[in-house]
Every structure is written in structure tokens, then in C-alpha cells.
Protein backbone atom coordinates (compact mmCIF):
# COMPACT_ATOMS: atom_id res chain seq x y z
CA MET A 1 -77.58 49.17 8.46
CA ASN A 2 -80.53 51.40 9.87
CA THR A 3 -80.06 52.00 13.66
CA LYS A 4 -82.64 54.92 13.87
CA HIS A 5 -84.61 53.13 16.46
CA VAL A 6 -81.59 52.47 18.79
CA GLU A 7 -81.45 55.34 21.25
CA ASP A 8 -78.21 54.22 23.36
CA ARG A 9 -75.02 55.23 21.66
CA VAL A 10 -72.98 52.42 22.75
CA GLU A 11 -75.36 49.93 21.47
CA ARG A 12 -75.74 51.52 18.08
CA LYS A 13 -72.02 51.56 17.74
CA ARG A 14 -72.00 47.79 18.57
CA LEU A 15 -74.45 46.96 16.00
CA LYS A 16 -73.05 48.90 13.37
CA ARG A 17 -69.48 47.43 13.84
CA ALA A 18 -71.26 43.90 13.81
CA ALA A 19 -72.95 44.95 10.67
CA ARG A 20 -69.56 45.98 9.20
CA LYS A 21 -67.89 42.82 10.04
CA LYS A 22 -70.74 40.63 8.38
CA ALA A 23 -70.91 42.72 5.21
CA ALA A 24 -68.96 41.60 2.16
CA PRO A 25 -65.75 43.28 1.52
CA LYS A 26 -65.85 46.32 -0.70
CA ALA A 27 -64.01 45.89 -4.08
CA LYS A 28 -60.69 47.77 -4.35
CA ARG A 29 -60.88 51.16 -6.40
CA ALA A 30 -59.65 50.67 -9.92
CA SER A 31 -56.24 52.09 -10.61
CA GLY A 32 -56.97 54.65 -13.17
CA VAL A 33 -59.83 56.21 -10.95
CA ALA A 34 -58.56 59.25 -9.05
CA ARG A 35 -60.52 60.35 -5.77
CA GLY A 36 -60.94 63.86 -4.04
CA SER A 37 -58.31 66.37 -4.47
CA ASN A 38 -56.47 64.09 -7.03
CA LYS A 39 -59.12 64.43 -9.57
CA ARG A 40 -58.62 66.60 -12.75
CA LYS A 41 -60.04 70.17 -12.07
CA VAL A 42 -62.52 71.61 -14.66
CA LYS A 43 -61.26 74.88 -16.25
CA LYS A 44 -63.54 77.92 -15.91
CA LEU A 45 -64.98 79.34 -19.09
CA ALA A 46 -64.17 82.74 -20.01
CA LYS A 47 -67.04 85.09 -18.58
CA GLY A 48 -68.32 88.15 -20.61
CA GLN A 49 -68.19 88.46 -24.31
CA ARG A 50 -68.82 85.23 -26.41
CA LYS A 51 -65.78 83.58 -27.86
CA ARG A 52 -67.20 82.81 -31.04
């Protein structure tokens, strides 16, 4: 919802809330998909001399 043209903060909030209510519900996240800090961390490669 684009509310860039609305100056009043309360009015903008009301419009956004109405748009959220009207929008289709978002699909649930798949069970195997981690989010944020639960994601697997990428190991840092060794710096300096080449390994091979």
C-alpha cells in the first residue's frame, strides 16, 4: 500500500491497517525453512596461503 501522498500520520496508519485487513492472508512458512538467527552459518574460508 503506497501512502506516500498522505501527510497525516493517524490517517496513514488507518489506511495501512485497512489495507492489511483487506489483503489475502500470507502463506505459512514451510517447516524446513529456518529464519534469521536460526539459519546455518557459513564457515569462513582460511585466509593466507592457498590450501591446494
